[in-house]
Amino acid sequence: MATVVLGKDCKLYIGTAGTIAATLVDNVIDVRLGLEKDDADASARSSGGWQEFVGTTKKAEISFEMLYKPADTNFATLRNAFLNDTDISMLVMDGLKATTGKQGLDCDVVITKFEITQPLKEGTKVSVTAKPTPSTRAPAWYTAP
């Protein structure tokens, strides 16, 4: 029987740039890890009339919502990273990083969006977007040992 990974069991971690993120962010609601790859046309006469492509550079974007809690340390870390142009590390996992076999993207990021929404009939939330930034370590797929 297949095991289904529920979003509520997935985890987001932040930390100091240059290291694997270690601080669990529990104030998040919906998290999205977008992975994409650019491509280059590799068509030739031998392609049999078909266009053929090869993958080139990969892109990642991590976006999530969190509750607006200015006193929360993780909230403040993300806000300050945005305001001060400070890079941080981020780890998006399909479970606790201490659980063998759990996996996700590990990278140093720049916070490119910190948008506060104040709906009339709901709690105030923040939408955050992070993208990999130049670092001493390239983004990598992490699997917990």
Protein backbone atom coordinates (compact mmCIF):
# COMPACT_ATOMS: atom_id res chain seq x y z
CA MET A 1 0.00 0.00 0.00
CA ALA A 2 1.34 3.43 -0.96
CA THR A 3 2.08 5.94 1.75
CA VAL A 4 0.63 9.40 1.25
CA VAL A 5 2.65 12.36 2.53
CA LEU A 6 0.28 14.93 4.02
CA GLY A 7 1.15 18.60 3.84
CA LYS A 8 0.59 18.99 7.58
CA ASP A 9 3.53 16.61 8.17
CA CYS A 10 5.96 18.52 5.93
CA LYS A 11 8.45 20.91 7.51
CA LEU A 12 10.18 24.20 6.74
CA TYR A 13 13.48 25.10 8.39
CA ILE A 14 15.52 28.33 8.37
CA GLY A 15 19.04 29.06 9.56
CA THR A 16 22.30 30.85 9.00
CA ALA A 17 23.46 31.13 5.39
CA GLY A 18 26.26 28.69 4.63
CA THR A 19 24.82 25.96 6.87
CA ILE A 20 21.95 23.49 6.65
CA ALA A 21 18.92 25.18 8.20
CA ALA A 22 18.19 23.87 11.70
CA THR A 23 15.32 25.99 13.09
CA LEU A 24 11.84 24.59 12.51
CA VAL A 25 9.33 27.23 11.40
CA ASP A 26 6.02 26.10 12.85
CA ASN A 27 4.09 29.29 12.07
CA VAL A 28 3.64 28.44 8.36
CA ILE A 29 0.38 27.55 6.67
CA ASP A 30 0.78 26.59 3.01
CA VAL A 31 4.26 25.98 1.59
CA ARG A 32 5.08 25.68 -2.11
CA LEU A 33 8.41 24.48 -3.52
CA GLY A 34 8.50 25.29 -7.23
CA LEU A 35 11.26 23.56 -9.21
CA GLU A 36 11.75 24.32 -12.88
CA LYS A 37 14.41 23.75 -15.54
CA ASP A 38 15.25 25.90 -18.55
CA ASP A 39 15.81 24.09 -21.81
CA ALA A 40 17.80 24.51 -24.99
CA ASP A 41 16.77 23.35 -28.44
CA ALA A 42 18.94 20.39 -29.45
CA SER A 43 17.08 19.58 -32.66
CA ALA A 44 19.04 18.24 -35.60
CA ARG A 45 18.29 16.62 -38.91
CA SER A 46 18.58 13.31 -37.10
CA SER A 47 15.62 14.25 -34.86
CA GLY A 48 13.17 12.71 -37.33
CA GLY A 49 11.18 15.91 -37.69
CA TRP A 50 10.79 16.38 -33.94
CA GLN A 51 12.13 19.19 -31.82
CA GLU A 52 14.42 17.82 -29.12
CA PHE A 53 15.58 19.60 -26.01
CA VAL A 54 18.22 19.32 -23.32
CA GLY A 55 17.86 20.67 -19.80
CA THR A 56 20.04 23.59 -18.79
CA THR A 57 19.84 25.55 -15.53
CA LYS A 58 17.38 24.76 -12.76
CA LYS A 59 15.29 27.31 -10.84
CA ALA A 60 13.72 27.08 -7.41
CA GLU A 61 11.21 29.26 -5.63
CA ILE A 62 9.97 28.68 -2.09
CA SER A 63 6.77 30.48 -1.19
CA PHE A 64 4.61 30.22 1.89
CA GLU A 65 2.12 31.96 4.11
CA MET A 66 2.53 32.43 7.81
CA LEU A 67 0.50 34.04 10.54
CA TYR A 68 1.37 37.64 11.32
CA LYS A 69 3.12 37.30 14.69
CA PRO A 70 5.78 40.05 15.05
CA ALA A 71 6.94 38.64 18.43
CA ASP A 72 7.70 35.23 16.85
CA THR A 73 11.46 34.78 16.39
CA ASN A 74 11.12 33.08 12.99
CA PHE A 75 8.77 35.83 11.77
CA ALA A 76 11.33 38.44 12.85
CA THR A 77 14.19 36.53 11.18
CA LEU A 78 12.34 36.41 7.86
CA ARG A 79 11.23 40.05 8.08
CA ASN A 80 14.75 41.21 8.94
CA ALA A 81 16.27 39.10 6.15
CA PHE A 82 13.97 40.91 3.73
CA LEU A 83 14.50 44.41 5.13
CA ASN A 84 18.28 44.08 5.58
CA ASP A 85 19.05 42.06 2.42
CA THR A 86 20.45 39.27 4.59
CA ASP A 87 20.79 35.79 3.10
CA ILE A 88 19.55 32.86 5.20
CA SER A 89 19.50 29.09 4.70
CA MET A 90 16.25 27.28 4.04
CA LEU A 91 15.33 23.60 4.00
CA VAL A 92 11.95 22.45 2.65
CA MET A 93 11.29 18.87 3.78
CA ASP A 94 8.58 16.23 3.43
CA GLY A 95 8.91 15.49 7.15
CA LEU A 96 11.22 16.05 10.11
CA LYS A 97 14.82 16.37 8.97
CA ALA A 98 15.84 14.02 11.80
CA THR A 99 13.76 11.21 10.24
CA THR A 100 15.77 8.87 8.02
CA GLY A 101 14.75 9.07 4.37
CA LYS A 102 12.87 12.37 4.57
CA GLN A 103 13.96 14.74 1.84
CA GLY A 104 13.76 18.19 0.34
CA LEU A 105 15.63 21.18 -1.05
CA ASP A 106 18.48 22.72 0.94
CA CYS A 107 19.81 26.13 -0.14
CA ASP A 108 20.80 29.61 0.88
CA VAL A 109 18.14 32.11 -0.12
CA VAL A 110 17.29 35.76 -0.46
CA ILE A 111 13.80 36.80 0.63
CA THR A 112 12.26 38.51 -2.41
CA LYS A 113 8.73 39.06 -1.08
CA PHE A 114 7.32 39.79 2.37
CA GLU A 115 3.72 40.78 1.79
CA ILE A 116 1.34 41.43 4.67
CA THR A 117 -2.37 40.91 4.03
CA GLN A 118 -5.01 42.25 6.41
CA PRO A 119 -8.36 40.73 5.37
CA LEU A 120 -11.43 42.08 7.11
CA LYS A 121 -12.78 38.71 8.29
CA GLU A 122 -9.62 36.67 8.80
CA GLY A 123 -6.35 36.78 10.67
CA THR A 124 -3.52 38.85 9.29
CA LYS A 125 -1.04 36.80 7.26
CA VAL A 126 2.28 37.25 5.55
CA SER A 127 3.18 35.82 2.14
CA VAL A 128 6.91 35.11 1.80
CA THR A 129 8.91 34.21 -1.30
CA ALA A 130 12.52 33.02 -1.21
CA LYS A 131 14.90 32.21 -4.07
CA PRO A 132 18.38 30.67 -4.09
CA THR A 133 21.17 33.22 -3.87
CA PRO A 134 24.91 33.06 -4.66
CA SER A 135 26.55 31.22 -1.81
CA THR A 136 29.52 29.12 -0.76
CA ARG A 137 27.29 26.09 -1.44
CA ALA A 138 25.00 25.33 -4.35
CA PRO A 139 21.36 24.32 -3.81
CA ALA A 140 21.12 20.56 -3.30
CA TRP A 141 18.55 17.84 -2.68
CA TYR A 142 18.91 16.76 0.94
CA THR A 143 18.00 13.29 2.19
CA ALA A 144 18.06 12.69 5.94
CA PRO A 145 20.58 9.98 6.85
